[in-house]
C-alpha atoms as a PDB file:
ATOM      1  CA  MET A   1      89.070 -25.740 -48.310  1.00  0.00           C
ATOM      2  CA  ALA A   2      90.692 -25.050 -44.938  1.00  0.00           C
ATOM      3  CA  GLN A   3      93.336 -22.597 -44.711  1.00  0.00           C
ATOM      4  CA  GLU A   4      96.698 -23.874 -43.438  1.00  0.00           C
ATOM      5  CA  GLU A   5      98.017 -22.281 -40.239  1.00  0.00           C
ATOM      6  CA  ASN A   6     101.259 -20.724 -40.765  1.00  0.00           C
ATOM      7  CA  GLU A   7     104.180 -21.058 -38.083  1.00  0.00           C
ATOM      8  CA  ARG A   8     104.872 -17.748 -36.667  1.00  0.00           C
ATOM      9  CA  ILE A   9     108.047 -16.133 -35.103  1.00  0.00           C
ATOM     10  CA  VAL A  10     108.541 -12.931 -33.254  1.00  0.00           C
ATOM     11  CA  ILE A  11     111.565 -10.934 -34.125  1.00  0.00           C
ATOM     12  CA  PRO A  12     112.603  -7.857 -32.003  1.00  0.00           C
ATOM     13  CA  ASP A  13     113.868  -4.707 -33.782  1.00  0.00           C
ATOM     14  CA  GLU A  14     116.754  -2.586 -32.681  1.00  0.00           C
ATOM     15  CA  GLU A  15     114.604  -0.785 -30.190  1.00  0.00           C
ATOM     16  CA  GLY A  16     113.453  -4.084 -28.521  1.00  0.00           C
ATOM     17  CA  ASN A  17     109.882  -3.691 -30.091  1.00  0.00           C
ATOM     18  CA  GLU A  18     108.653  -7.018 -31.128  1.00  0.00           C
ATOM     19  CA  HIS A  19     107.052  -7.950 -34.685  1.00  0.00           C
ATOM     20  CA  LEU A  20     105.188 -10.992 -35.442  1.00  0.00           C
ATOM     21  CA  PHE A  21     106.156 -12.743 -38.917  1.00  0.00           C
ATOM     22  CA  ASP A  22     104.425 -15.875 -40.618  1.00  0.00           C
ATOM     23  CA  VAL A  23     106.992 -18.269 -41.829  1.00  0.00           C
ATOM     24  CA  LEU A  24     106.339 -19.086 -45.604  1.00  0.00           C
ATOM     25  CA  PHE A  25     108.932 -21.699 -45.823  1.00  0.00           C
ATOM     26  CA  THR A  26     112.407 -22.608 -44.944  1.00  0.00           C
ATOM     27  CA  PHE A  27     115.105 -24.540 -47.113  1.00  0.00           C
ATOM     28  CA  ASP A  28     118.481 -25.941 -46.654  1.00  0.00           C
ATOM     29  CA  VAL A  29     121.324 -25.631 -49.391  1.00  0.00           C
ATOM     30  CA  ASP A  30     123.357 -28.939 -49.092  1.00  0.00           C
ATOM     31  CA  GLU A  31     126.358 -27.574 -51.054  1.00  0.00           C
ATOM     32  CA  THR A  32     126.902 -24.823 -48.358  1.00  0.00           C
ATOM     33  CA  GLY A  33     125.265 -26.320 -45.485  1.00  0.00           C
ATOM     34  CA  LYS A  34     123.390 -23.247 -44.749  1.00  0.00           C
ATOM     35  CA  SER A  35     119.617 -22.936 -44.195  1.00  0.00           C
ATOM     36  CA  TYR A  36     117.273 -20.121 -45.118  1.00  0.00           C
ATOM     37  CA  MET A  37     113.983 -18.822 -43.826  1.00  0.00           C
ATOM     38  CA  VAL A  38     111.371 -16.699 -45.826  1.00  0.00           C
ATOM     39  CA  LEU A  39     108.816 -14.623 -43.982  1.00  0.00           C
ATOM     40  CA  THR A  40     106.065 -12.006 -44.483  1.00  0.00           C
ATOM     41  CA  ASP A  41     104.624  -9.536 -41.709  1.00  0.00           C
ATOM     42  CA  ALA A  42     101.755 -11.331 -39.954  1.00  0.00           C
ATOM     43  CA  GLY A  43      99.703  -8.107 -40.152  1.00  0.00           C
ATOM     44  CA  GLU A  44      99.681  -7.921 -43.960  1.00  0.00           C
ATOM     45  CA  ASN A  45      96.702  -9.071 -46.023  1.00  0.00           C
ATOM     46  CA  GLU A  46      97.221 -12.358 -47.745  1.00  0.00           C
ATOM     47  CA  ASP A  47      94.583 -11.350 -50.452  1.00  0.00           C
ATOM     48  CA  GLU A  48      96.770  -8.405 -51.707  1.00  0.00           C
ATOM     49  CA  GLU A  49      98.566  -8.957 -54.947  1.00  0.00           C
ATOM     50  CA  GLU A  50     101.941  -7.930 -53.683  1.00  0.00           C
ATOM     51  CA  VAL A  51     103.162  -8.925 -50.095  1.00  0.00           C
ATOM     52  CA  GLU A  52     106.525  -7.857 -48.560  1.00  0.00           C
ATOM     53  CA  VAL A  53     108.750 -10.726 -48.191  1.00  0.00           C
ATOM     54  CA  PHE A  54     111.714 -11.069 -45.816  1.00  0.00           C
ATOM     55  CA  ALA A  55     114.499 -13.664 -45.986  1.00  0.00           C
ATOM     56  CA  PHE A  56     117.168 -14.512 -43.562  1.00  0.00           C
ATOM     57  CA  ARG A  57     119.934 -17.206 -43.142  1.00  0.00           C
ATOM     58  CA  PHE A  58     119.082 -19.050 -39.861  1.00  0.00           C
ATOM     59  CA  GLU A  59     121.017 -21.381 -37.567  1.00  0.00           C
ATOM     60  CA  ASP A  60     119.367 -23.728 -35.280  1.00  0.00           C
ATOM     61  CA  GLU A  61     120.921 -23.007 -31.792  1.00  0.00           C
ATOM     62  CA  GLY A  62     119.342 -25.580 -29.656  1.00  0.00           C
ATOM     63  CA  GLU A  63     116.751 -28.181 -28.985  1.00  0.00           C
ATOM     64  CA  LYS A  64     113.725 -25.890 -28.784  1.00  0.00           C
ATOM     65  CA  GLU A  65     112.082 -24.308 -31.987  1.00  0.00           C
ATOM     66  CA  SER A  66     112.725 -20.842 -30.298  1.00  0.00           C
ATOM     67  CA  ASP A  67     116.515 -21.366 -30.150  1.00  0.00           C
ATOM     68  CA  ILE A  68     117.324 -19.961 -33.484  1.00  0.00           C
ATOM     69  CA  SER A  69     119.553 -17.202 -34.701  1.00  0.00           C
ATOM     70  CA  LEU A  70     118.791 -15.068 -37.952  1.00  0.00           C
ATOM     71  CA  PHE A  71     121.554 -13.537 -40.143  1.00  0.00           C
ATOM     72  CA  PRO A  72     120.949 -11.014 -42.862  1.00  0.00           C
ATOM     73  CA  ILE A  73     121.598 -12.383 -46.448  1.00  0.00           C
ATOM     74  CA  GLU A  74     124.932 -10.413 -47.535  1.00  0.00           C
ATOM     75  CA  THR A  75     125.962 -11.709 -50.858  1.00  0.00           C
ATOM     76  CA  ASP A  76     124.338 -11.428 -54.305  1.00  0.00           C
ATOM     77  CA  GLU A  77     124.647 -15.071 -54.936  1.00  0.00           C
ATOM     78  CA  GLU A  78     122.627 -15.868 -51.783  1.00  0.00           C
ATOM     79  CA  TRP A  79     119.999 -13.363 -52.894  1.00  0.00           C
ATOM     80  CA  ASP A  80     119.778 -14.965 -56.262  1.00  0.00           C
ATOM     81  CA  MET A  81     119.190 -18.472 -54.828  1.00  0.00           C
ATOM     82  CA  VAL A  82     116.648 -16.954 -52.267  1.00  0.00           C
ATOM     83  CA  GLU A  83     114.712 -15.188 -55.261  1.00  0.00           C
ATOM     84  CA  GLU A  84     114.625 -18.291 -57.272  1.00  0.00           C
ATOM     85  CA  MET A  85     113.130 -20.337 -54.349  1.00  0.00           C
ATOM     86  CA  ILE A  86     110.516 -17.502 -53.742  1.00  0.00           C
ATOM     87  CA  GLU A  87     109.676 -17.596 -57.538  1.00  0.00           C
ATOM     88  CA  THR A  88     109.320 -21.484 -57.315  1.00  0.00           C
ATOM     89  CA  PHE A  89     107.112 -21.267 -54.041  1.00  0.00           C
ATOM     90  CA  SER A  90     104.926 -18.567 -55.471  1.00  0.00           C
ATOM     91  CA  SER A  91     104.379 -20.444 -58.817  1.00  0.00           C
ATOM     92  CA  GLY A  92     103.397 -23.412 -56.723  1.00  0.00           C
ATOM     93  CA  GLU A  93     100.943 -21.443 -54.741  1.00  0.00           C
ATOM     94  CA  MET A  94      99.179 -20.148 -58.032  1.00  0.00           C
ATOM     95  CA  GLU A  95      98.367 -23.654 -59.327  1.00  0.00           C
END
Protein backbone atom coordinates (compact mmCIF):
# COMPACT_ATOMS: atom_id res chain seq x y z
CA MET A 1 0.00 0.00 0.00
CA ALA A 2 1.40 3.40 -0.95
CA GLN A 3 2.00 5.90 1.83
CA GLU A 4 0.00 9.11 1.48
CA GLU A 5 2.11 12.26 1.18
CA ASN A 6 1.41 14.67 4.05
CA GLU A 7 1.05 18.38 3.50
CA ARG A 8 3.99 20.19 5.06
CA ILE A 9 4.40 23.67 6.46
CA VAL A 10 7.38 25.64 7.74
CA ILE A 11 7.07 27.50 11.06
CA PRO A 12 9.81 29.89 12.21
CA ASP A 13 10.72 30.04 15.91
CA GLU A 14 11.55 33.16 17.96
CA GLU A 15 15.13 33.22 16.61
CA GLY A 16 14.00 32.95 12.99
CA ASN A 17 15.03 29.28 12.59
CA GLU A 18 12.61 27.44 10.32
CA HIS A 19 11.11 24.08 11.35
CA LEU A 20 9.31 21.68 9.02
CA PHE A 21 6.03 20.08 10.18
CA ASP A 22 3.65 17.52 8.68
CA VAL A 23 -0.02 18.47 8.80
CA LEU A 24 -1.91 15.51 10.29
CA PHE A 25 -5.31 17.11 9.80
CA THR A 26 -7.29 20.32 10.06
CA PHE A 27 -10.82 20.81 11.30
CA ASP A 28 -13.38 23.58 11.67
CA VAL A 29 -15.76 24.15 14.57
CA ASP A 30 -19.04 25.45 13.16
CA GLU A 31 -20.29 26.74 16.53
CA THR A 32 -17.30 29.08 17.00
CA GLY A 33 -16.24 29.61 13.38
CA LYS A 34 -12.65 28.71 14.34
CA SER A 35 -10.27 26.40 12.48
CA TYR A 36 -7.57 24.18 13.98
CA MET A 37 -4.47 22.47 12.62
CA VAL A 38 -2.74 19.42 14.16
CA LEU A 39 0.93 18.90 13.27
CA THR A 40 3.90 16.62 13.93
CA ASP A 41 7.59 17.38 13.52
CA ALA A 42 8.54 16.23 10.00
CA GLY A 43 11.80 14.82 11.38
CA GLU A 44 10.12 12.37 13.77
CA ASN A 45 9.93 8.71 12.91
CA GLU A 46 6.34 7.68 12.14
CA ASP A 47 7.08 4.12 13.30
CA GLU A 48 7.52 5.25 16.91
CA GLU A 49 4.64 4.46 19.26
CA GLU A 50 4.47 7.99 20.66
CA VAL A 51 4.87 11.02 18.43
CA GLU A 52 4.75 14.58 19.74
CA VAL A 53 1.73 16.42 18.37
CA PHE A 54 1.32 20.19 18.09
CA ALA A 55 -1.98 22.01 17.66
CA PHE A 56 -2.80 25.57 16.66
CA ARG A 57 -5.82 27.66 15.85
CA PHE A 58 -5.38 29.12 12.39
CA GLU A 59 -6.87 31.77 10.16
CA ASP A 60 -6.67 31.79 6.38
CA GLU A 61 -5.25 35.21 5.52
CA GLY A 62 -5.31 35.14 1.76
CA GLU A 63 -5.69 33.37 -1.51
CA LYS A 64 -2.50 31.28 -1.33
CA GLU A 65 -2.06 28.25 0.95
CA SER A 66 0.94 29.97 2.52
CA ASP A 67 -1.21 32.89 3.68
CA ILE A 68 -2.25 31.50 7.07
CA SER A 69 -1.66 32.76 10.59
CA LEU A 70 -1.18 30.36 13.51
CA PHE A 71 -2.30 31.15 17.06
CA PRO A 72 -1.68 29.23 20.29
CA ILE A 73 -4.58 27.37 21.86
CA GLU A 74 -5.21 29.14 25.13
CA THR A 75 -8.34 27.79 26.79
CA ASP A 76 -8.97 24.43 28.46
CA GLU A 77 -12.17 24.07 26.42
CA GLU A 78 -10.23 24.38 23.16
CA TRP A 79 -7.60 21.89 24.37
CA ASP A 80 -10.29 19.39 25.37
CA MET A 81 -11.89 19.66 21.93
CA VAL A 82 -8.52 19.29 20.14
CA GLU A 83 -7.55 16.28 22.28
CA GLU A 84 -10.88 14.63 21.45
CA MET A 85 -10.25 15.17 17.73
CA ILE A 86 -6.71 13.75 18.03
CA GLU A 87 -8.07 10.65 19.80
CA THR A 88 -10.69 10.21 17.06
CA PHE A 89 -8.02 10.64 14.37
CA SER A 90 -5.67 8.19 16.13
CA SER A 91 -8.32 5.50 16.55
CA GLY A 92 -9.16 5.80 12.84
CA GLU A 93 -5.47 5.34 11.95
CA MET A 94 -5.28 2.13 14.01
CA GLU A 95 -8.12 0.42 12.09
